PDB file of all heavy atoms in Angstrom:
ATOM      1  N   GLY A   1      20.858   0.378  20.624  1.00  0.00           N
ATOM      2  CA  GLY A   1      21.500   1.110  21.705  1.00  0.00           C
ATOM      3  C   GLY A   1      20.466   1.637  22.682  1.00  0.00           C
ATOM      4  O   GLY A   1      19.308   1.932  22.339  1.00  0.00           O
ATOM      5  N   ARG A   2      20.886   1.877  23.846  1.00  0.00           N
ATOM      6  CA  ARG A   2      19.974   2.186  25.004  1.00  0.00           C
ATOM      7  C   ARG A   2      19.349   3.674  24.785  1.00  0.00           C
ATOM      8  O   ARG A   2      18.288   3.871  25.392  1.00  0.00           O
ATOM      9  CB  ARG A   2      20.589   2.081  26.380  1.00  0.00           C
ATOM     10  CG  ARG A   2      21.862   3.122  26.528  1.00  0.00           C
ATOM     11  CD  ARG A   2      22.417   2.960  27.896  1.00  0.00           C
ATOM     12  NE  ARG A   2      23.008   1.599  28.220  1.00  0.00           N
ATOM     13  CZ  ARG A   2      24.271   1.306  27.892  1.00  0.00           C
ATOM     14  NH1 ARG A   2      25.076   2.241  27.365  1.00  0.00           N
ATOM     15  NH2 ARG A   2      24.734   0.146  28.144  1.00  0.00           N
ATOM     16  N   TYR A   3      19.986   4.437  24.015  1.00  0.00           N
ATOM     17  CA  TYR A   3      19.443   5.770  23.856  1.00  0.00           C
ATOM     18  C   TYR A   3      18.459   5.875  22.724  1.00  0.00           C
ATOM     19  O   TYR A   3      17.823   6.973  22.485  1.00  0.00           O
ATOM     20  CB  TYR A   3      20.598   6.767  23.627  1.00  0.00           C
ATOM     21  CG  TYR A   3      21.427   7.030  24.842  1.00  0.00           C
ATOM     22  CD1 TYR A   3      22.665   6.398  25.001  1.00  0.00           C
ATOM     23  CD2 TYR A   3      20.918   7.833  25.865  1.00  0.00           C
ATOM     24  CE1 TYR A   3      23.400   6.585  26.163  1.00  0.00           C
ATOM     25  CE2 TYR A   3      21.711   8.058  27.017  1.00  0.00           C
ATOM     26  CZ  TYR A   3      22.991   7.445  27.166  1.00  0.00           C
ATOM     27  OH  TYR A   3      23.674   7.573  28.274  1.00  0.00           O
ATOM     28  N   THR A   4      18.195   4.835  22.043  1.00  0.00           N
ATOM     29  CA  THR A   4      17.363   4.884  20.814  1.00  0.00           C
ATOM     30  C   THR A   4      15.951   4.324  21.178  1.00  0.00           C
ATOM     31  O   THR A   4      15.635   3.180  21.017  1.00  0.00           O
ATOM     32  CB  THR A   4      17.938   4.041  19.643  1.00  0.00           C
ATOM     33  OG1 THR A   4      19.368   4.337  19.533  1.00  0.00           O
ATOM     34  CG2 THR A   4      17.179   4.237  18.349  1.00  0.00           C
ATOM     35  N   SER A   5      15.149   5.157  21.689  1.00  0.00           N
ATOM     36  CA  SER A   5      13.766   4.713  22.075  1.00  0.00           C
ATOM     37  C   SER A   5      12.971   4.604  20.790  1.00  0.00           C
ATOM     38  O   SER A   5      13.107   5.305  19.825  1.00  0.00           O
ATOM     39  CB  SER A   5      13.018   5.762  22.946  1.00  0.00           C
ATOM     40  OG  SER A   5      12.766   6.927  22.330  1.00  0.00           O
ATOM     41  N   GLU A   6      12.024   3.658  20.780  1.00  0.00           N
ATOM     42  CA  GLU A   6      11.255   3.376  19.580  1.00  0.00           C
ATOM     43  C   GLU A   6      10.459   4.549  19.212  1.00  0.00           C
ATOM     44  O   GLU A   6      10.155   4.833  17.991  1.00  0.00           O
ATOM     45  CB  GLU A   6      10.321   2.186  19.837  1.00  0.00           C
ATOM     46  CG  GLU A   6       9.448   1.718  18.654  1.00  0.00           C
ATOM     47  CD  GLU A   6       8.225   2.625  18.538  1.00  0.00           C
ATOM     48  OE1 GLU A   6       7.742   3.109  19.553  1.00  0.00           O
ATOM     49  OE2 GLU A   6       7.789   2.852  17.377  1.00  0.00           O
ATOM     50  N   SER A   7      10.022   5.356  20.204  1.00  0.00           N
ATOM     51  CA  SER A   7       9.255   6.610  19.921  1.00  0.00           C
ATOM     52  C   SER A   7       9.936   7.578  18.996  1.00  0.00           C
ATOM     53  O   SER A   7       9.252   8.334  18.291  1.00  0.00           O
ATOM     54  CB  SER A   7       8.794   7.228  21.269  1.00  0.00           C
ATOM     55  OG  SER A   7       9.948   7.621  21.980  1.00  0.00           O
ATOM     56  N   LEU A   8      11.314   7.640  19.061  1.00  0.00           N
ATOM     57  CA  LEU A   8      11.987   8.472  18.112  1.00  0.00           C
ATOM     58  C   LEU A   8      11.753   8.163  16.649  1.00  0.00           C
ATOM     59  O   LEU A   8      11.630   8.981  15.766  1.00  0.00           O
ATOM     60  CB  LEU A   8      13.490   8.483  18.480  1.00  0.00           C
ATOM     61  CG  LEU A   8      13.914   8.976  19.844  1.00  0.00           C
ATOM     62  CD1 LEU A   8      15.452   8.849  19.974  1.00  0.00           C
ATOM     63  CD2 LEU A   8      13.327  10.319  20.184  1.00  0.00           C
ATOM     64  N   GLY A   9      11.615   6.779  16.451  1.00  0.00           N
ATOM     65  CA  GLY A   9      11.366   6.378  15.058  1.00  0.00           C
ATOM     66  C   GLY A   9       9.986   6.681  14.651  1.00  0.00           C
ATOM     67  O   GLY A   9       9.723   6.889  13.450  1.00  0.00           O
ATOM     68  N   ASP A  10       9.046   6.658  15.662  1.00  0.00           N
ATOM     69  CA  ASP A  10       7.594   6.998  15.323  1.00  0.00           C
ATOM     70  C   ASP A  10       7.505   8.442  14.799  1.00  0.00           C
ATOM     71  O   ASP A  10       6.612   8.676  13.972  1.00  0.00           O
ATOM     72  CB  ASP A  10       6.783   6.861  16.613  1.00  0.00           C
ATOM     73  CG  ASP A  10       6.325   5.500  16.868  1.00  0.00           C
ATOM     74  OD1 ASP A  10       6.470   4.563  15.935  1.00  0.00           O
ATOM     75  OD2 ASP A  10       5.895   5.237  17.996  1.00  0.00           O
ATOM     76  N   TYR A  11       8.364   9.396  15.172  1.00  0.00           N
ATOM     77  CA  TYR A  11       8.154  10.733  14.872  1.00  0.00           C
ATOM     78  C   TYR A  11       9.187  11.386  14.008  1.00  0.00           C
ATOM     79  O   TYR A  11       8.781  12.203  13.088  1.00  0.00           O
ATOM     80  CB  TYR A  11       7.994  11.471  16.216  1.00  0.00           C
ATOM     81  CG  TYR A  11       6.838  11.087  16.966  1.00  0.00           C
ATOM     82  CD1 TYR A  11       6.919  10.335  18.204  1.00  0.00           C
ATOM     83  CD2 TYR A  11       5.478  11.360  16.545  1.00  0.00           C
ATOM     84  CE1 TYR A  11       5.825   9.931  18.925  1.00  0.00           C
ATOM     85  CE2 TYR A  11       4.361  10.940  17.310  1.00  0.00           C
ATOM     86  CZ  TYR A  11       4.605  10.246  18.549  1.00  0.00           C
ATOM     87  OH  TYR A  11       3.516   9.815  19.257  1.00  0.00           O
ATOM     88  N   CYS A  12      10.427  11.221  14.298  1.00  0.00           N
ATOM     89  CA  CYS A  12      11.376  12.146  13.752  1.00  0.00           C
ATOM     90  C   CYS A  12      12.802  11.599  13.438  1.00  0.00           C
ATOM     91  O   CYS A  12      13.603  12.421  12.924  1.00  0.00           O
ATOM     92  CB  CYS A  12      11.470  13.383  14.647  1.00  0.00           C
ATOM     93  SG  CYS A  12      12.072  13.029  16.313  1.00  0.00           S
ATOM     94  N   ALA A  13      13.089  10.328  13.673  1.00  0.00           N
ATOM     95  CA  ALA A  13      14.463   9.943  13.399  1.00  0.00           C
ATOM     96  C   ALA A  13      14.749   9.971  11.960  1.00  0.00           C
ATOM     97  O   ALA A  13      15.780  10.278  11.510  1.00  0.00           O
ATOM     98  CB  ALA A  13      14.613   8.437  13.938  1.00  0.00           C
ATOM     99  N   GLY A  14      13.763   9.584  11.095  1.00  0.00           N
ATOM    100  CA  GLY A  14      13.977   9.550   9.616  1.00  0.00           C
ATOM    101  C   GLY A  14      13.376   8.408   8.899  1.00  0.00           C
ATOM    102  O   GLY A  14      12.607   8.575   7.982  1.00  0.00           O
ATOM    103  N   PRO A  15      13.647   7.234   9.348  1.00  0.00           N
ATOM    104  CA  PRO A  15      13.009   6.039   8.698  1.00  0.00           C
ATOM    105  C   PRO A  15      11.564   5.963   8.858  1.00  0.00           C
ATOM    106  O   PRO A  15      11.030   6.620   9.793  1.00  0.00           O
ATOM    107  CB  PRO A  15      13.704   4.827   9.375  1.00  0.00           C
ATOM    108  CG  PRO A  15      15.100   5.444   9.808  1.00  0.00           C
ATOM    109  CD  PRO A  15      14.816   6.781  10.252  1.00  0.00           C
ATOM    110  N   ASN A  16      10.867   5.269   8.020  1.00  0.00           N
ATOM    111  CA  ASN A  16       9.367   5.250   8.050  1.00  0.00           C
ATOM    112  C   ASN A  16       8.875   4.510   9.184  1.00  0.00           C
ATOM    113  O   ASN A  16       9.482   3.397   9.573  1.00  0.00           O
ATOM    114  CB  ASN A  16       8.848   4.724   6.768  1.00  0.00           C
ATOM    115  CG  ASN A  16       7.494   5.342   6.337  1.00  0.00           C
ATOM    116  OD1 ASN A  16       6.498   5.053   6.975  1.00  0.00           O
ATOM    117  ND2 ASN A  16       7.620   6.214   5.379  1.00  0.00           N
ATOM    118  N   HIS A  17       7.756   4.948   9.720  1.00  0.00           N
ATOM    119  CA  HIS A  17       7.159   4.203  10.878  1.00  0.00           C
ATOM    120  C   HIS A  17       6.036   3.285  10.326  1.00  0.00           C
ATOM    121  O   HIS A  17       5.419   2.596  11.216  1.00  0.00           O
ATOM    122  CB  HIS A  17       6.608   5.181  11.912  1.00  0.00           C
ATOM    123  CG  HIS A  17       5.418   5.852  11.697  1.00  0.00           C
ATOM    124  ND1 HIS A  17       4.962   6.905  12.459  1.00  0.00           N
ATOM    125  CD2 HIS A  17       4.464   5.646  10.743  1.00  0.00           C
ATOM    126  CE1 HIS A  17       3.822   7.339  12.020  1.00  0.00           C
ATOM    127  NE2 HIS A  17       3.425   6.555  11.059  1.00  0.00           N
ATOM    128  N   VAL A  18       5.728   3.243   9.053  1.00  0.00           N
ATOM    129  CA  VAL A  18       4.792   2.262   8.536  1.00  0.00           C
ATOM    130  C   VAL A  18       5.558   0.988   8.304  1.00  0.00           C
ATOM    131  O   VAL A  18       6.355   0.844   7.335  1.00  0.00           O
ATOM    132  CB  VAL A  18       4.213   2.778   7.224  1.00  0.00           C
ATOM    133  CG1 VAL A  18       3.170   1.773   6.684  1.00  0.00           C
ATOM    134  CG2 VAL A  18       3.480   4.127   7.511  1.00  0.00           C
ATOM    135  N   LEU A  19       5.283  -0.013   9.127  1.00  0.00           N
ATOM    136  CA  LEU A  19       6.159  -1.231   9.283  1.00  0.00           C
ATOM    137  C   LEU A  19       5.306  -2.470   9.199  1.00  0.00           C
ATOM    138  O   LEU A  19       4.105  -2.446   9.606  1.00  0.00           O
ATOM    139  CB  LEU A  19       7.010  -1.118  10.571  1.00  0.00           C
ATOM    140  CG  LEU A  19       7.856   0.009  10.790  1.00  0.00           C
ATOM    141  CD1 LEU A  19       8.352   0.045  12.204  1.00  0.00           C
ATOM    142  CD2 LEU A  19       9.047  -0.044   9.766  1.00  0.00           C
ATOM    143  N   PRO A  20       5.921  -3.614   8.727  1.00  0.00           N
ATOM    144  CA  PRO A  20       5.185  -4.821   8.772  1.00  0.00           C
ATOM    145  C   PRO A  20       4.913  -5.407  10.099  1.00  0.00           C
ATOM    146  O   PRO A  20       5.751  -5.260  10.987  1.00  0.00           O
ATOM    147  CB  PRO A  20       6.159  -5.778   7.955  1.00  0.00           C
ATOM    148  CG  PRO A  20       7.490  -5.222   8.071  1.00  0.00           C
ATOM    149  CD  PRO A  20       7.273  -3.706   8.205  1.00  0.00           C
ATOM    150  N   THR A  21       3.724  -5.910  10.353  1.00  0.00           N
ATOM    151  CA  THR A  21       3.332  -6.434  11.636  1.00  0.00           C
ATOM    152  C   THR A  21       2.983  -7.928  11.565  1.00  0.00           C
ATOM    153  O   THR A  21       3.010  -8.420  10.457  1.00  0.00           O
ATOM    154  CB  THR A  21       2.143  -5.683  12.207  1.00  0.00           C
ATOM    155  OG1 THR A  21       1.001  -5.853  11.225  1.00  0.00           O
ATOM    156  CG2 THR A  21       2.379  -4.201  12.359  1.00  0.00           C
ATOM    157  N   SER A  22       2.673  -8.527  12.700  1.00  0.00           N
ATOM    158  CA  SER A  22       2.094  -9.924  12.629  1.00  0.00           C
ATOM    159  C   SER A  22       3.062 -10.839  11.933  1.00  0.00           C
ATOM    160  O   SER A  22       2.568 -11.776  11.193  1.00  0.00           O
ATOM    161  CB  SER A  22       0.700  -9.949  12.073  1.00  0.00           C
ATOM    162  OG  SER A  22      -0.191  -9.049  12.719  1.00  0.00           O
ATOM    163  N   ARG A  23       4.380 -10.710  12.183  1.00  0.00           N
ATOM    164  CA  ARG A  23       5.364 -11.626  11.622  1.00  0.00           C
ATOM    165  C   ARG A  23       5.573 -11.454  10.133  1.00  0.00           C
ATOM    166  O   ARG A  23       6.363 -12.274   9.530  1.00  0.00           O
ATOM    167  CB  ARG A  23       5.057 -13.105  11.917  1.00  0.00           C
ATOM    168  CG  ARG A  23       4.973 -13.365  13.504  1.00  0.00           C
ATOM    169  CD  ARG A  23       4.993 -14.903  13.814  1.00  0.00           C
ATOM    170  NE  ARG A  23       6.291 -15.447  13.519  1.00  0.00           N
ATOM    171  CZ  ARG A  23       6.484 -16.540  12.830  1.00  0.00           C
ATOM    172  NH1 ARG A  23       5.402 -17.200  12.252  1.00  0.00           N
ATOM    173  NH2 ARG A  23       7.675 -16.984  12.567  1.00  0.00           N
ATOM    174  N   THR A  24       4.938 -10.489   9.478  1.00  0.00           N
ATOM    175  CA  THR A  24       5.129 -10.305   8.085  1.00  0.00           C
ATOM    176  C   THR A  24       6.497  -9.713   7.793  1.00  0.00           C
ATOM    177  O   THR A  24       6.820  -9.632   6.551  1.00  0.00           O
ATOM    178  CB  THR A  24       3.984  -9.340   7.501  1.00  0.00           C
ATOM    179  OG1 THR A  24       3.962  -8.162   8.135  1.00  0.00           O
ATOM    180  CG2 THR A  24       2.670 -10.110   7.653  1.00  0.00           C
ATOM    181  N   ALA A  25       7.198  -9.299   8.752  1.00  0.00           N
ATOM    182  CA  ALA A  25       8.549  -8.808   8.483  1.00  0.00           C
ATOM    183  C   ALA A  25       9.455  -9.895   7.887  1.00  0.00           C
ATOM    184  O   ALA A  25      10.579  -9.649   7.501  1.00  0.00           O
ATOM    185  CB  ALA A  25       9.202  -8.191   9.759  1.00  0.00           C
ATOM    186  N   ARG A  26       8.969 -11.152   7.982  1.00  0.00           N
ATOM    187  CA  ARG A  26       9.721 -12.270   7.445  1.00  0.00           C
ATOM    188  C   ARG A  26       9.838 -12.112   5.928  1.00  0.00           C
ATOM    189  O   ARG A  26      10.756 -12.606   5.247  1.00  0.00           O
ATOM    190  CB  ARG A  26       9.061 -13.597   7.741  1.00  0.00           C
ATOM    191  CG  ARG A  26       9.113 -14.043   9.141  1.00  0.00           C
ATOM    192  CD  ARG A  26       8.226 -15.237   9.489  1.00  0.00           C
ATOM    193  NE  ARG A  26       6.873 -14.951   9.160  1.00  0.00           N
ATOM    194  CZ  ARG A  26       6.057 -15.728   8.366  1.00  0.00           C
ATOM    195  NH1 ARG A  26       6.629 -16.759   7.731  1.00  0.00           N
ATOM    196  NH2 ARG A  26       4.806 -15.523   8.171  1.00  0.00           N
ATOM    197  N   PHE A  27       8.892 -11.408   5.240  1.00  0.00           N
ATOM    198  CA  PHE A  27       8.868 -11.280   3.830  1.00  0.00           C
ATOM    199  C   PHE A  27       8.538  -9.882   3.294  1.00  0.00           C
ATOM    200  O   PHE A  27       8.380  -9.762   2.072  1.00  0.00           O
ATOM    201  CB  PHE A  27       7.893 -12.336   3.225  1.00  0.00           C
ATOM    202  CG  PHE A  27       6.468 -12.209   3.858  1.00  0.00           C
ATOM    203  CD1 PHE A  27       5.586 -11.246   3.351  1.00  0.00           C
ATOM    204  CD2 PHE A  27       6.058 -13.078   4.794  1.00  0.00           C
ATOM    205  CE1 PHE A  27       4.347 -11.222   3.896  1.00  0.00           C
ATOM    206  CE2 PHE A  27       4.805 -13.055   5.385  1.00  0.00           C
ATOM    207  CZ  PHE A  27       3.862 -12.030   4.871  1.00  0.00           C
ATOM    208  N   SER A  28       8.326  -8.953   4.217  1.00  0.00           N
ATOM    209  CA  SER A  28       8.036  -7.563   3.733  1.00  0.00           C
ATOM    210  C   SER A  28       8.900  -6.578   4.434  1.00  0.00           C
ATOM    211  O   SER A  28       9.519  -6.785   5.387  1.00  0.00           O
ATOM    212  CB  SER A  28       6.576  -7.284   3.909  1.00  0.00           C
ATOM    213  OG  SER A  28       6.057  -7.442   5.221  1.00  0.00           O
ATOM    214  N   SER A  29       8.752  -5.304   4.024  1.00  0.00           N
ATOM    215  CA  SER A  29       9.612  -4.227   4.447  1.00  0.00           C
ATOM    216  C   SER A  29       8.885  -2.984   4.793  1.00  0.00           C
ATOM    217  O   SER A  29       7.670  -2.867   4.521  1.00  0.00           O
ATOM    218  CB  SER A  29      10.585  -3.880   3.230  1.00  0.00           C
ATOM    219  OG  SER A  29      11.196  -5.021   2.752  1.00  0.00           O
ATOM    220  N   PRO A  30       9.517  -2.019   5.391  1.00  0.00           N
ATOM    221  CA  PRO A  30       8.841  -0.710   5.784  1.00  0.00           C
ATOM    222  C   PRO A  30       8.343  -0.021   4.507  1.00  0.00           C
ATOM    223  O   PRO A  30       8.963  -0.164   3.352  1.00  0.00           O
ATOM    224  CB  PRO A  30       9.968   0.104   6.458  1.00  0.00           C
ATOM    225  CG  PRO A  30      11.017  -0.995   6.933  1.00  0.00           C
ATOM    226  CD  PRO A  30      10.926  -2.062   5.824  1.00  0.00           C
ATOM    227  N   LEU A  31       7.453   0.861   4.657  1.00  0.00           N
ATOM    228  CA  LEU A  31       6.944   1.726   3.574  1.00  0.00           C
ATOM    229  C   LEU A  31       8.215   2.652   3.235  1.00  0.00           C
ATOM    230  O   LEU A  31       8.933   3.053   4.064  1.00  0.00           O
ATOM    231  CB  LEU A  31       5.896   2.589   4.031  1.00  0.00           C
ATOM    232  CG  LEU A  31       5.173   3.511   2.994  1.00  0.00           C
ATOM    233  CD1 LEU A  31       4.400   2.663   1.994  1.00  0.00           C
ATOM    234  CD2 LEU A  31       4.327   4.539   3.537  1.00  0.00           C
ATOM    235  N   GLY A  32       8.331   2.887   1.976  1.00  0.00           N
ATOM    236  CA  GLY A  32       9.545   3.714   1.500  1.00  0.00           C
ATOM    237  C   GLY A  32       9.280   4.332   0.195  1.00  0.00           C
ATOM    238  O   GLY A  32       8.294   4.171  -0.469  1.00  0.00           O
ATOM    239  N   THR A  33      10.234   5.042  -0.218  1.00  0.00           N
ATOM    240  CA  THR A  33      10.228   5.799  -1.580  1.00  0.00           C
ATOM    241  C   THR A  33       9.946   4.829  -2.632  1.00  0.00           C
ATOM    242  O   THR A  33       9.211   5.085  -3.560  1.00  0.00           O
ATOM    243  CB  THR A  33      11.548   6.587  -1.740  1.00  0.00           C
ATOM    244  OG1 THR A  33      11.823   7.400  -0.651  1.00  0.00           O
ATOM    245  CG2 THR A  33      11.444   7.432  -3.063  1.00  0.00           C
ATOM    246  N   TYR A  34      10.541   3.609  -2.552  1.00  0.00           N
ATOM    247  CA  TYR A  34      10.346   2.631  -3.560  1.00  0.00           C
ATOM    248  C   TYR A  34       8.960   2.126  -3.755  1.00  0.00           C
ATOM    249  O   TYR A  34       8.490   1.641  -4.784  1.00  0.00           O
ATOM    250  CB  TYR A  34      11.310   1.390  -3.249  1.00  0.00           C
ATOM    251  CG  TYR A  34      11.392   1.136  -1.789  1.00  0.00           C
ATOM    252  CD1 TYR A  34      10.299   0.502  -1.052  1.00  0.00           C
ATOM    253  CD2 TYR A  34      12.564   1.443  -1.061  1.00  0.00           C
ATOM    254  CE1 TYR A  34      10.417   0.225   0.319  1.00  0.00           C
ATOM    255  CE2 TYR A  34      12.596   1.176   0.342  1.00  0.00           C
ATOM    256  CZ  TYR A  34      11.566   0.574   0.946  1.00  0.00           C
ATOM    257  OH  TYR A  34      11.588   0.369   2.312  1.00  0.00           O
ATOM    258  N   ASP A  35       8.102   2.344  -2.716  1.00  0.00           N
ATOM    259  CA  ASP A  35       6.768   1.965  -2.818  1.00  0.00           C
ATOM    260  C   ASP A  35       5.942   2.917  -3.674  1.00  0.00           C
ATOM    261  O   ASP A  35       4.755   2.651  -4.133  1.00  0.00           O
ATOM    262  CB  ASP A  35       6.091   1.957  -1.452  1.00  0.00           C
ATOM    263  CG  ASP A  35       6.532   0.701  -0.633  1.00  0.00           C
ATOM    264  OD1 ASP A  35       6.239  -0.405  -1.058  1.00  0.00           O
ATOM    265  OD2 ASP A  35       7.116   0.935   0.431  1.00  0.00           O
ATOM    266  N   PHE A  36       6.535   4.079  -4.036  1.00  0.00           N
ATOM    267  CA  PHE A  36       5.842   5.072  -4.883  1.00  0.00           C
ATOM    268  C   PHE A  36       6.459   5.202  -6.259  1.00  0.00           C
ATOM    269  O   PHE A  36       6.254   6.196  -6.934  1.00  0.00           O
ATOM    270  CB  PHE A  36       5.818   6.444  -4.100  1.00  0.00           C
ATOM    271  CG  PHE A  36       5.002   6.272  -2.843  1.00  0.00           C
ATOM    272  CD1 PHE A  36       5.742   6.200  -1.673  1.00  0.00           C
ATOM    273  CD2 PHE A  36       3.669   6.384  -2.821  1.00  0.00           C
ATOM    274  CE1 PHE A  36       4.976   6.098  -0.416  1.00  0.00           C
ATOM    275  CE2 PHE A  36       2.944   6.300  -1.566  1.00  0.00           C
ATOM    276  CZ  PHE A  36       3.644   6.181  -0.425  1.00  0.00           C
ATOM    277  N   GLN A  37       7.349   4.205  -6.547  1.00  0.00           N
ATOM    278  CA  GLN A  37       8.036   4.156  -7.822  1.00  0.00           C
ATOM    279  C   GLN A  37       7.677   2.834  -8.504  1.00  0.00           C
ATOM    280  O   GLN A  37       7.451   1.837  -7.879  1.00  0.00           O
ATOM    281  CB  GLN A  37       9.561   4.295  -7.684  1.00  0.00           C
ATOM    282  CG  GLN A  37      10.044   5.603  -7.107  1.00  0.00           C
ATOM    283  CD  GLN A  37      11.556   5.718  -6.892  1.00  0.00           C
ATOM    284  OE1 GLN A  37      12.086   4.960  -6.143  1.00  0.00           O
ATOM    285  NE2 GLN A  37      12.172   6.531  -7.741  1.00  0.00           N
TER     286      GLN A  37
END
């Protein structure tokens, strides 16, 4: 949606901003609680 700037996700929306880059989103996911379990 038009009101959801990416910068909100960088700081305070809630989901993690540590994300896969360089096309690795084809097989990997954002950092999350599951990475520490």
